[in-house]
Amino acid sequence: MTDSTLDAVQVAAHFAAPEPAVRRSGRRKGPHLLLTLAEAQRTLLEVGSMLTLGPLLTSLPRGDGHPIMVLPGFMASDQSTALFRRHLKRLDYDPHPWNFGRNLGPRGSLMEDMVAAVKRLADLRGEAVTLIGQSLGGIYVREIARVVPAEVRQVISLGSPFGTEDGGGTNPGVARLFELSTGRSAAEARREHGFADMQAPPPVPSTAIFSKTDGIAHWRICIERDGPMTDNVEIVGSHCGMAFNPVVLCVVADRLAQPAGRWQRFARTGWRRYVFPGPIFAP
């Protein structure tokens, strides 16, 4: 088992610990407990499918070499996105890790440091950067795009719960772990770091990939509002295994292959009609 696989499975197993399904007034319930308990096993299946189908994935649309930064989910590190970035490299892109260690939540100058890292990469390459974030990493990339939209080509989120303001809609164990890690609630962290309206689409093209079988975040808090530069693409998969899911990579490859400045929503034509339902948007 690779380090990146072990990293993702450990996170999935940690999050899958059963928690009392308490619903506070006005808060959305999290995913069904059975989906949460099966996170680790489903993540392993997705890892296996990515490794098995690896040779076929080289037939996906080739890239133009533009830079990409991939941000891991909560409690995960760059190891969890290593296989995903390797496939992006094979498709002729220039993928980069986030290089900030394990993602323990927003703290200190992390947001400013990430913005500076994106600006450095864009300046070095002389072109805008695509930002891809898994779970909490997807919340980060949306906020980075609000600060430096000129340096961001597009953002892609993988199961990112940006539709919640107070942690509602996520597994209670994840919300508790977030509070223990950051020393504050999700709502307090959002206010402290200037995440004024996470639900508002960023000022760049944005694709949210979500799953109704997500065991960590309810799918309704992982989808974009309808807008001229937003799209939601539904897949079948776990939360922690999204960066190992071949179908996710197919969607991402389609998004990345679009010429700069000519972004369009994911085309559900031909065989895709039977695999990808029509887009659902947040109210």
C-alpha atoms as a PDB file:
ATOM      1  CA  MET A   1       0.000   0.000   0.000  1.00  0.00           C
ATOM      2  CA  THR A   2       1.446   3.394  -0.980  1.00  0.00           C
ATOM      3  CA  ASP A   3       1.902   6.252   1.483  1.00  0.00           C
ATOM      4  CA  SER A   4      -0.780   8.274  -0.300  1.00  0.00           C
ATOM      5  CA  THR A   5      -3.239   5.356  -0.077  1.00  0.00           C
ATOM      6  CA  LEU A   6      -2.482   4.796   3.596  1.00  0.00           C
ATOM      7  CA  ASP A   7      -2.928   8.510   4.305  1.00  0.00           C
ATOM      8  CA  ALA A   8      -6.375   8.575   2.685  1.00  0.00           C
ATOM      9  CA  VAL A   9      -7.553   5.337   4.304  1.00  0.00           C
ATOM     10  CA  GLN A  10      -6.423   6.449   7.780  1.00  0.00           C
ATOM     11  CA  VAL A  11      -8.373   9.666   7.394  1.00  0.00           C
ATOM     12  CA  ALA A  12     -11.421   7.762   6.128  1.00  0.00           C
ATOM     13  CA  ALA A  13     -11.258   5.314   9.019  1.00  0.00           C
ATOM     14  CA  HIS A  14     -10.944   8.150  11.536  1.00  0.00           C
ATOM     15  CA  PHE A  15     -13.931   9.983  10.120  1.00  0.00           C
ATOM     16  CA  ALA A  16     -15.977   6.783   9.950  1.00  0.00           C
ATOM     17  CA  ALA A  17     -16.125   6.426  13.724  1.00  0.00           C
ATOM     18  CA  PRO A  18     -19.818   6.500  14.683  1.00  0.00           C
ATOM     19  CA  GLU A  19     -21.040   9.672  16.339  1.00  0.00           C
ATOM     20  CA  PRO A  20     -24.412  10.535  17.816  1.00  0.00           C
ATOM     21  CA  ALA A  21     -26.594  11.997  15.072  1.00  0.00           C
ATOM     22  CA  VAL A  22     -27.618  15.116  16.941  1.00  0.00           C
ATOM     23  CA  ARG A  23     -29.319  17.805  14.945  1.00  0.00           C
ATOM     24  CA  ARG A  24     -29.163  21.351  16.224  1.00  0.00           C
ATOM     25  CA  SER A  25     -31.943  23.746  15.456  1.00  0.00           C
ATOM     26  CA  GLY A  26     -31.699  25.024  11.896  1.00  0.00           C
ATOM     27  CA  ARG A  27     -28.764  22.762  10.975  1.00  0.00           C
ATOM     28  CA  ARG A  28     -28.796  20.271   8.134  1.00  0.00           C
ATOM     29  CA  LYS A  29     -28.272  16.635   9.034  1.00  0.00           C
ATOM     30  CA  GLY A  30     -25.056  14.995   7.910  1.00  0.00           C
ATOM     31  CA  PRO A  31     -24.830  11.942   5.637  1.00  0.00           C
ATOM     32  CA  HIS A  32     -26.416   8.640   6.637  1.00  0.00           C
ATOM     33  CA  LEU A  33     -24.364   6.788   9.248  1.00  0.00           C
ATOM     34  CA  LEU A  34     -24.020   3.707   7.030  1.00  0.00           C
ATOM     35  CA  LEU A  35     -22.321   5.801   4.333  1.00  0.00           C
ATOM     36  CA  THR A  36     -19.921   7.175   6.934  1.00  0.00           C
ATOM     37  CA  LEU A  37     -19.094   3.727   8.328  1.00  0.00           C
ATOM     38  CA  ALA A  38     -18.288   2.451   4.827  1.00  0.00           C
ATOM     39  CA  GLU A  39     -15.922   5.326   3.950  1.00  0.00           C
ATOM     40  CA  ALA A  40     -12.665   3.423   4.510  1.00  0.00           C
ATOM     41  CA  GLN A  41     -13.763   0.343   2.560  1.00  0.00           C
ATOM     42  CA  ARG A  42     -15.087   2.398  -0.343  1.00  0.00           C
ATOM     43  CA  THR A  43     -11.908   4.469  -0.422  1.00  0.00           C
ATOM     44  CA  LEU A  44      -9.872   1.278  -0.805  1.00  0.00           C
ATOM     45  CA  LEU A  45     -12.109   0.186  -3.696  1.00  0.00           C
ATOM     46  CA  GLU A  46     -11.557   3.517  -5.429  1.00  0.00           C
ATOM     47  CA  VAL A  47      -7.804   3.239  -4.941  1.00  0.00           C
ATOM     48  CA  GLY A  48      -7.903  -0.214  -6.498  1.00  0.00           C
ATOM     49  CA  SER A  49      -9.965   0.979  -9.450  1.00  0.00           C
ATOM     50  CA  MET A  50      -7.574   3.871 -10.096  1.00  0.00           C
ATOM     51  CA  LEU A  51      -4.582   1.526 -10.075  1.00  0.00           C
ATOM     52  CA  THR A  52      -6.340  -1.062 -12.243  1.00  0.00           C
ATOM     53  CA  LEU A  53      -7.619   1.417 -14.820  1.00  0.00           C
ATOM     54  CA  GLY A  54      -4.430   3.470 -14.869  1.00  0.00           C
ATOM     55  CA  PRO A  55      -3.377   2.442 -18.413  1.00  0.00           C
ATOM     56  CA  LEU A  56      -6.821   3.364 -19.783  1.00  0.00           C
ATOM     57  CA  LEU A  57      -6.707   6.797 -18.160  1.00  0.00           C
ATOM     58  CA  THR A  58      -3.867   7.821 -20.463  1.00  0.00           C
ATOM     59  CA  SER A  59      -6.490   8.074 -23.233  1.00  0.00           C
ATOM     60  CA  LEU A  60      -8.147  11.046 -21.526  1.00  0.00           C
ATOM     61  CA  PRO A  61      -7.869  14.487 -23.207  1.00  0.00           C
ATOM     62  CA  ARG A  62      -4.288  15.758 -23.198  1.00  0.00           C
ATOM     63  CA  GLY A  63      -3.357  19.026 -21.576  1.00  0.00           C
ATOM     64  CA  ASP A  64      -1.645  22.238 -22.586  1.00  0.00           C
ATOM     65  CA  GLY A  65       0.956  22.084 -19.826  1.00  0.00           C
ATOM     66  CA  HIS A  66      -0.576  24.820 -17.688  1.00  0.00           C
ATOM     67  CA  PRO A  67       0.181  24.795 -13.936  1.00  0.00           C
ATOM     68  CA  ILE A  68      -2.156  23.192 -11.423  1.00  0.00           C
ATOM     69  CA  MET A  69      -2.064  23.286  -7.633  1.00  0.00           C
ATOM     70  CA  VAL A  70      -3.795  20.464  -5.756  1.00  0.00           C
ATOM     71  CA  LEU A  71      -4.845  20.994  -2.131  1.00  0.00           C
ATOM     72  CA  PRO A  72      -5.609  18.067   0.220  1.00  0.00           C
ATOM     73  CA  GLY A  73      -8.604  17.613   2.481  1.00  0.00           C
ATOM     74  CA  PHE A  74      -8.858  18.086   6.228  1.00  0.00           C
ATOM     75  CA  MET A  75      -6.321  15.987   8.179  1.00  0.00           C
ATOM     76  CA  ALA A  76      -4.683  14.851   4.923  1.00  0.00           C
ATOM     77  CA  SER A  77      -1.338  15.809   3.380  1.00  0.00           C
ATOM     78  CA  ASP A  78       0.144  15.985  -0.106  1.00  0.00           C
ATOM     79  CA  GLN A  79       0.583  12.208   0.045  1.00  0.00           C
ATOM     80  CA  SER A  80      -3.194  11.846  -0.349  1.00  0.00           C
ATOM     81  CA  THR A  81      -3.100  13.610  -3.734  1.00  0.00           C
ATOM     82  CA  ALA A  82       0.167  12.107  -5.033  1.00  0.00           C
ATOM     83  CA  LEU A  83      -1.479   9.500  -7.293  1.00  0.00           C
ATOM     84  CA  PHE A  84      -3.955  12.076  -8.595  1.00  0.00           C
ATOM     85  CA  ARG A  85      -1.132  14.491  -9.448  1.00  0.00           C
ATOM     86  CA  ARG A  86       0.816  11.693 -11.107  1.00  0.00           C
ATOM     87  CA  HIS A  87      -2.068  11.095 -13.502  1.00  0.00           C
ATOM     88  CA  LEU A  88      -2.338  14.822 -14.226  1.00  0.00           C
ATOM     89  CA  LYS A  89       1.371  14.814 -15.065  1.00  0.00           C
ATOM     90  CA  ARG A  90       0.805  11.932 -17.503  1.00  0.00           C
ATOM     91  CA  LEU A  91      -1.864  14.043 -19.195  1.00  0.00           C
ATOM     92  CA  ASP A  92       0.782  16.724 -19.887  1.00  0.00           C
ATOM     93  CA  TYR A  93      -0.089  19.179 -17.118  1.00  0.00           C
ATOM     94  CA  ASP A  94       2.223  20.718 -14.538  1.00  0.00           C
ATOM     95  CA  PRO A  95       0.699  19.708 -11.176  1.00  0.00           C
ATOM     96  CA  HIS A  96       2.068  21.001  -7.877  1.00  0.00           C
ATOM     97  CA  PRO A  97       1.403  19.964  -4.267  1.00  0.00           C
ATOM     98  CA  TRP A  98       0.339  22.597  -1.779  1.00  0.00           C
ATOM     99  CA  ASN A  99       3.516  22.093   0.371  1.00  0.00           C
ATOM    100  CA  PHE A 100       1.970  23.165   3.686  1.00  0.00           C
ATOM    101  CA  GLY A 101       2.091  19.801   5.434  1.00  0.00           C
ATOM    102  CA  ARG A 102      -0.991  18.183   6.887  1.00  0.00           C
ATOM    103  CA  ASN A 103      -4.175  20.197   6.460  1.00  0.00           C
ATOM    104  CA  LEU A 104      -5.218  20.883  10.051  1.00  0.00           C
ATOM    105  CA  GLY A 105      -7.634  23.665   9.199  1.00  0.00           C
ATOM    106  CA  PRO A 106      -7.233  27.437   8.716  1.00  0.00           C
ATOM    107  CA  ARG A 107      -4.783  28.898  11.210  1.00  0.00           C
ATOM    108  CA  GLY A 108      -2.315  31.732  11.523  1.00  0.00           C
ATOM    109  CA  SER A 109      -1.194  33.106   8.166  1.00  0.00           C
ATOM    110  CA  LEU A 110      -2.084  29.979   6.179  1.00  0.00           C
ATOM    111  CA  MET A 111      -4.519  31.735   3.841  1.00  0.00           C
ATOM    112  CA  GLU A 112      -2.068  34.549   3.105  1.00  0.00           C
ATOM    113  CA  ASP A 113       0.712  32.002   2.555  1.00  0.00           C
ATOM    114  CA  MET A 114      -1.417  30.000   0.095  1.00  0.00           C
ATOM    115  CA  VAL A 115      -2.335  33.137  -1.836  1.00  0.00           C
ATOM    116  CA  ALA A 116       1.366  34.049  -2.028  1.00  0.00           C
ATOM    117  CA  ALA A 117       2.222  30.531  -3.258  1.00  0.00           C
ATOM    118  CA  VAL A 118      -0.363  30.751  -6.047  1.00  0.00           C
ATOM    119  CA  LYS A 119       0.923  34.177  -7.085  1.00  0.00           C
ATOM    120  CA  ARG A 120       4.521  32.891  -7.171  1.00  0.00           C
ATOM    121  CA  LEU A 121       3.548  29.931  -9.337  1.00  0.00           C
ATOM    122  CA  ALA A 122       1.541  32.127 -11.715  1.00  0.00           C
ATOM    123  CA  ASP A 123       4.428  34.612 -11.986  1.00  0.00           C
ATOM    124  CA  LEU A 124       6.950  31.820 -12.531  1.00  0.00           C
ATOM    125  CA  ARG A 125       4.938  30.231 -15.312  1.00  0.00           C
ATOM    126  CA  GLY A 126       3.563  33.462 -16.760  1.00  0.00           C
ATOM    127  CA  GLU A 127      -0.008  32.128 -16.820  1.00  0.00           C
ATOM    128  CA  ALA A 128      -2.968  31.547 -14.545  1.00  0.00           C
ATOM    129  CA  VAL A 129      -3.109  28.479 -12.302  1.00  0.00           C
ATOM    130  CA  THR A 130      -5.927  25.938 -12.030  1.00  0.00           C
ATOM    131  CA  LEU A 131      -6.712  25.198  -8.384  1.00  0.00           C
ATOM    132  CA  ILE A 132      -8.107  21.804  -7.368  1.00  0.00           C
ATOM    133  CA  GLY A 133      -9.099  21.158  -3.774  1.00  0.00           C
ATOM    134  CA  GLN A 134     -10.454  18.102  -2.020  1.00  0.00           C
ATOM    135  CA  SER A 135     -12.965  18.667   0.803  1.00  0.00           C
ATOM    136  CA  LEU A 136     -11.571  21.514   2.972  1.00  0.00           C
ATOM    137  CA  GLY A 137      -8.947  22.106   0.274  1.00  0.00           C
ATOM    138  CA  GLY A 138     -11.801  22.971  -2.073  1.00  0.00           C
ATOM    139  CA  ILE A 139     -13.004  25.667   0.319  1.00  0.00           C
ATOM    140  CA  TYR A 140      -9.493  27.100   0.326  1.00  0.00           C
ATOM    141  CA  VAL A 141      -9.209  27.260  -3.471  1.00  0.00           C
ATOM    142  CA  ARG A 142     -12.498  29.129  -3.765  1.00  0.00           C
ATOM    143  CA  GLU A 143     -11.337  31.707  -1.226  1.00  0.00           C
ATOM    144  CA  ILE A 144      -7.929  32.059  -2.894  1.00  0.00           C
ATOM    145  CA  ALA A 145      -9.693  32.744  -6.202  1.00  0.00           C
ATOM    146  CA  ARG A 146     -11.635  35.594  -4.582  1.00  0.00           C
ATOM    147  CA  VAL A 147      -8.383  37.262  -3.514  1.00  0.00           C
ATOM    148  CA  VAL A 148      -6.319  36.798  -6.707  1.00  0.00           C
ATOM    149  CA  PRO A 149      -8.771  36.033  -9.546  1.00  0.00           C
ATOM    150  CA  ALA A 150      -6.323  37.212 -12.205  1.00  0.00           C
ATOM    151  CA  GLU A 151      -3.895  34.447 -11.183  1.00  0.00           C
ATOM    152  CA  VAL A 152      -6.529  31.684 -11.163  1.00  0.00           C
ATOM    153  CA  ARG A 153      -7.705  30.015 -14.381  1.00  0.00           C
ATOM    154  CA  GLN A 154     -10.478  27.969 -12.762  1.00  0.00           C
ATOM    155  CA  VAL A 155     -11.277  26.109  -9.546  1.00  0.00           C
ATOM    156  CA  ILE A 156     -12.442  22.524  -9.115  1.00  0.00           C
ATOM    157  CA  SER A 157     -13.717  21.258  -5.773  1.00  0.00           C
ATOM    158  CA  LEU A 158     -14.023  17.587  -4.815  1.00  0.00           C
ATOM    159  CA  GLY A 159     -16.703  16.994  -2.189  1.00  0.00           C
ATOM    160  CA  SER A 160     -16.103  20.389  -0.596  1.00  0.00           C
ATOM    161  CA  PRO A 161     -18.717  21.506   1.999  1.00  0.00           C
ATOM    162  CA  PHE A 162     -18.631  25.210   1.140  1.00  0.00           C
ATOM    163  CA  GLY A 163     -22.423  25.371   1.465  1.00  0.00           C
ATOM    164  CA  THR A 164     -22.306  25.190   5.263  1.00  0.00           C
ATOM    165  CA  GLU A 165     -21.752  28.118   7.592  1.00  0.00           C
ATOM    166  CA  ASP A 166     -21.579  26.377  10.957  1.00  0.00           C
ATOM    167  CA  GLY A 167     -20.473  22.833  10.201  1.00  0.00           C
ATOM    168  CA  GLY A 168     -24.027  21.607   9.685  1.00  0.00           C
ATOM    169  CA  GLY A 169     -24.383  18.900   7.056  1.00  0.00           C
ATOM    170  CA  THR A 170     -21.071  17.240   7.910  1.00  0.00           C
ATOM    171  CA  ASN A 171     -20.459  14.166  10.038  1.00  0.00           C
ATOM    172  CA  PRO A 172     -20.522  15.207  13.736  1.00  0.00           C
ATOM    173  CA  GLY A 173     -17.180  13.493  14.320  1.00  0.00           C
ATOM    174  CA  VAL A 174     -15.563  15.648  11.613  1.00  0.00           C
ATOM    175  CA  ALA A 175     -17.040  18.823  13.098  1.00  0.00           C
ATOM    176  CA  ARG A 176     -15.726  17.861  16.551  1.00  0.00           C
ATOM    177  CA  LEU A 177     -12.279  16.992  15.166  1.00  0.00           C
ATOM    178  CA  PHE A 178     -12.176  20.345  13.348  1.00  0.00           C
ATOM    179  CA  GLU A 179     -12.920  22.182  16.595  1.00  0.00           C
ATOM    180  CA  LEU A 180     -10.235  20.220  18.455  1.00  0.00           C
ATOM    181  CA  SER A 181      -7.690  20.879  15.705  1.00  0.00           C
ATOM    182  CA  THR A 182      -8.330  24.594  15.208  1.00  0.00           C
ATOM    183  CA  GLY A 183      -9.511  25.539  18.692  1.00  0.00           C
ATOM    184  CA  ARG A 184     -12.682  27.105  17.283  1.00  0.00           C
ATOM    185  CA  SER A 185     -15.932  26.159  15.617  1.00  0.00           C
ATOM    186  CA  ALA A 186     -16.403  26.189  11.850  1.00  0.00           C
ATOM    187  CA  ALA A 187     -18.449  29.381  12.117  1.00  0.00           C
ATOM    188  CA  GLU A 188     -15.785  31.092  14.236  1.00  0.00           C
ATOM    189  CA  ALA A 189     -13.009  30.018  11.850  1.00  0.00           C
ATOM    190  CA  ARG A 190     -15.027  31.304   8.900  1.00  0.00           C
ATOM    191  CA  ARG A 191     -15.423  34.748  10.480  1.00  0.00           C
ATOM    192  CA  GLU A 192     -11.829  34.938  11.693  1.00  0.00           C
ATOM    193  CA  HIS A 193     -10.353  34.206   8.267  1.00  0.00           C
ATOM    194  CA  GLY A 194     -12.699  36.418   6.289  1.00  0.00           C
ATOM    195  CA  PHE A 195     -14.794  33.740   4.586  1.00  0.00           C
ATOM    196  CA  ALA A 196     -17.732  36.140   4.336  1.00  0.00           C
ATOM    197  CA  ASP A 197     -20.030  34.130   2.052  1.00  0.00           C
ATOM    198  CA  MET A 198     -18.580  30.753   1.148  1.00  0.00           C
ATOM    199  CA  GLN A 199     -21.718  29.853  -0.801  1.00  0.00           C
ATOM    200  CA  ALA A 200     -21.233  32.696  -3.291  1.00  0.00           C
ATOM    201  CA  PRO A 201     -19.499  31.432  -6.448  1.00  0.00           C
ATOM    202  CA  PRO A 202     -15.903  32.623  -6.892  1.00  0.00           C
ATOM    203  CA  PRO A 203     -15.173  35.161  -9.667  1.00  0.00           C
ATOM    204  CA  VAL A 204     -13.629  32.472 -11.906  1.00  0.00           C
ATOM    205  CA  PRO A 205     -15.061  29.349 -13.573  1.00  0.00           C
ATOM    206  CA  SER A 206     -15.911  26.825 -10.878  1.00  0.00           C
ATOM    207  CA  THR A 207     -16.843  23.141 -11.084  1.00  0.00           C
ATOM    208  CA  ALA A 208     -18.068  21.319  -7.983  1.00  0.00           C
ATOM    209  CA  ILE A 209     -17.802  17.528  -8.119  1.00  0.00           C
ATOM    210  CA  PHE A 210     -20.065  15.893  -5.549  1.00  0.00           C
ATOM    211  CA  SER A 211     -21.503  12.519  -4.577  1.00  0.00           C
ATOM    212  CA  LYS A 212     -24.874  11.663  -3.092  1.00  0.00           C
ATOM    213  CA  THR A 213     -23.131   8.699  -1.436  1.00  0.00           C
ATOM    214  CA  ASP A 214     -20.588  10.965   0.321  1.00  0.00           C
ATOM    215  CA  GLY A 215     -20.169   9.683   3.872  1.00  0.00           C
ATOM    216  CA  ILE A 216     -18.654  12.836   5.362  1.00  0.00           C
ATOM    217  CA  ALA A 217     -20.465  15.858   3.881  1.00  0.00           C
ATOM    218  CA  HIS A 218     -24.079  15.957   2.753  1.00  0.00           C
ATOM    219  CA  TRP A 219     -24.099  16.469  -0.991  1.00  0.00           C
ATOM    220  CA  ARG A 220     -26.380  19.506  -0.795  1.00  0.00           C
ATOM    221  CA  ILE A 221     -23.666  21.553   0.913  1.00  0.00           C
ATOM    222  CA  CYS A 222     -21.153  20.631  -1.810  1.00  0.00           C
ATOM    223  CA  ILE A 223     -22.911  22.179  -4.822  1.00  0.00           C
ATOM    224  CA  GLU A 224     -22.666  25.582  -6.472  1.00  0.00           C
ATOM    225  CA  ARG A 225     -25.362  28.139  -6.997  1.00  0.00           C
ATOM    226  CA  ASP A 226     -26.481  28.563 -10.588  1.00  0.00           C
ATOM    227  CA  GLY A 227     -24.341  31.098 -12.436  1.00  0.00           C
ATOM    228  CA  PRO A 228     -22.690  31.768 -15.798  1.00  0.00           C
ATOM    229  CA  MET A 229     -19.406  30.227 -14.623  1.00  0.00           C
ATOM    230  CA  THR A 230     -20.579  27.433 -12.322  1.00  0.00           C
ATOM    231  CA  ASP A 231     -21.284  23.758 -12.791  1.00  0.00           C
ATOM    232  CA  ASN A 232     -22.007  20.756 -10.567  1.00  0.00           C
ATOM    233  CA  VAL A 233     -21.057  17.264 -11.683  1.00  0.00           C
ATOM    234  CA  GLU A 234     -22.413  14.280  -9.772  1.00  0.00           C
ATOM    235  CA  ILE A 235     -20.379  11.093  -9.428  1.00  0.00           C
ATOM    236  CA  VAL A 236     -20.797   7.911  -7.400  1.00  0.00           C
ATOM    237  CA  GLY A 237     -18.127   7.529  -4.753  1.00  0.00           C
ATOM    238  CA  SER A 238     -16.934   8.119  -1.233  1.00  0.00           C
ATOM    239  CA  HIS A 239     -15.712  11.384   0.262  1.00  0.00           C
ATOM    240  CA  CYS A 240     -12.122  10.486   1.137  1.00  0.00           C
ATOM    241  CA  GLY A 241     -11.617   8.515  -2.076  1.00  0.00           C
ATOM    242  CA  MET A 242     -12.482  11.248  -4.563  1.00  0.00           C
ATOM    243  CA  ALA A 243      -8.850  11.879  -5.484  1.00  0.00           C
ATOM    244  CA  PHE A 244      -8.567   8.146  -6.275  1.00  0.00           C
ATOM    245  CA  ASN A 245     -11.800   7.840  -8.259  1.00  0.00           C
ATOM    246  CA  PRO A 246     -11.250   7.274 -12.030  1.00  0.00           C
ATOM    247  CA  VAL A 247     -14.589   8.932 -12.851  1.00  0.00           C
ATOM    248  CA  VAL A 248     -13.497  12.044 -10.966  1.00  0.00           C
ATOM    249  CA  LEU A 249     -10.275  12.103 -12.975  1.00  0.00           C
ATOM    250  CA  CYS A 250     -12.309  11.861 -16.193  1.00  0.00           C
ATOM    251  CA  VAL A 251     -14.349  14.918 -15.193  1.00  0.00           C
ATOM    252  CA  VAL A 252     -11.258  16.846 -14.111  1.00  0.00           C
ATOM    253  CA  ALA A 253      -9.452  16.018 -17.371  1.00  0.00           C
ATOM    254  CA  ASP A 254     -12.436  17.369 -19.314  1.00  0.00           C
ATOM    255  CA  ARG A 255     -12.412  20.584 -17.281  1.00  0.00           C
ATOM    256  CA  LEU A 256      -8.668  21.088 -17.640  1.00  0.00           C
ATOM    257  CA  ALA A 257      -8.646  20.518 -21.401  1.00  0.00           C
ATOM    258  CA  GLN A 258     -10.813  23.553 -22.101  1.00  0.00           C
ATOM    259  CA  PRO A 259      -8.882  26.439 -23.660  1.00  0.00           C
ATOM    260  CA  ALA A 260      -8.236  29.389 -21.367  1.00  0.00           C
ATOM    261  CA  GLY A 261     -11.070  31.892 -21.519  1.00  0.00           C
ATOM    262  CA  ARG A 262     -13.454  29.435 -23.200  1.00  0.00           C
ATOM    263  CA  TRP A 263     -14.891  27.604 -20.201  1.00  0.00           C
ATOM    264  CA  GLN A 264     -18.174  25.749 -20.658  1.00  0.00           C
ATOM    265  CA  ARG A 265     -20.219  23.471 -18.501  1.00  0.00           C
ATOM    266  CA  PHE A 266     -19.556  19.739 -18.560  1.00  0.00           C
ATOM    267  CA  ALA A 267     -21.195  18.329 -21.717  1.00  0.00           C
ATOM    268  CA  ARG A 268     -23.568  15.451 -20.995  1.00  0.00           C
ATOM    269  CA  THR A 269     -23.736  14.087 -24.526  1.00  0.00           C
ATOM    270  CA  GLY A 270     -23.318  10.597 -25.955  1.00  0.00           C
ATOM    271  CA  TRP A 271     -22.405   7.971 -23.344  1.00  0.00           C
ATOM    272  CA  ARG A 272     -22.148  10.649 -20.656  1.00  0.00           C
ATOM    273  CA  ARG A 273     -25.951  10.923 -20.596  1.00  0.00           C
ATOM    274  CA  TYR A 274     -26.047   7.502 -18.929  1.00  0.00           C
ATOM    275  CA  VAL A 275     -23.267   8.196 -16.415  1.00  0.00           C
ATOM    276  CA  PHE A 276     -23.698  11.834 -15.382  1.00  0.00           C
ATOM    277  CA  PRO A 277     -27.120  13.242 -14.401  1.00  0.00           C
ATOM    278  CA  GLY A 278     -28.010  16.803 -15.276  1.00  0.00           C
ATOM    279  CA  PRO A 279     -26.548  19.528 -13.032  1.00  0.00           C
ATOM    280  CA  ILE A 280     -28.257  20.325  -9.726  1.00  0.00           C
ATOM    281  CA  PHE A 281     -27.790  23.797  -8.269  1.00  0.00           C
ATOM    282  CA  ALA A 282     -28.079  25.094  -4.739  1.00  0.00           C
ATOM    283  CA  PRO A 283     -31.210  27.154  -4.020  1.00  0.00           C
END
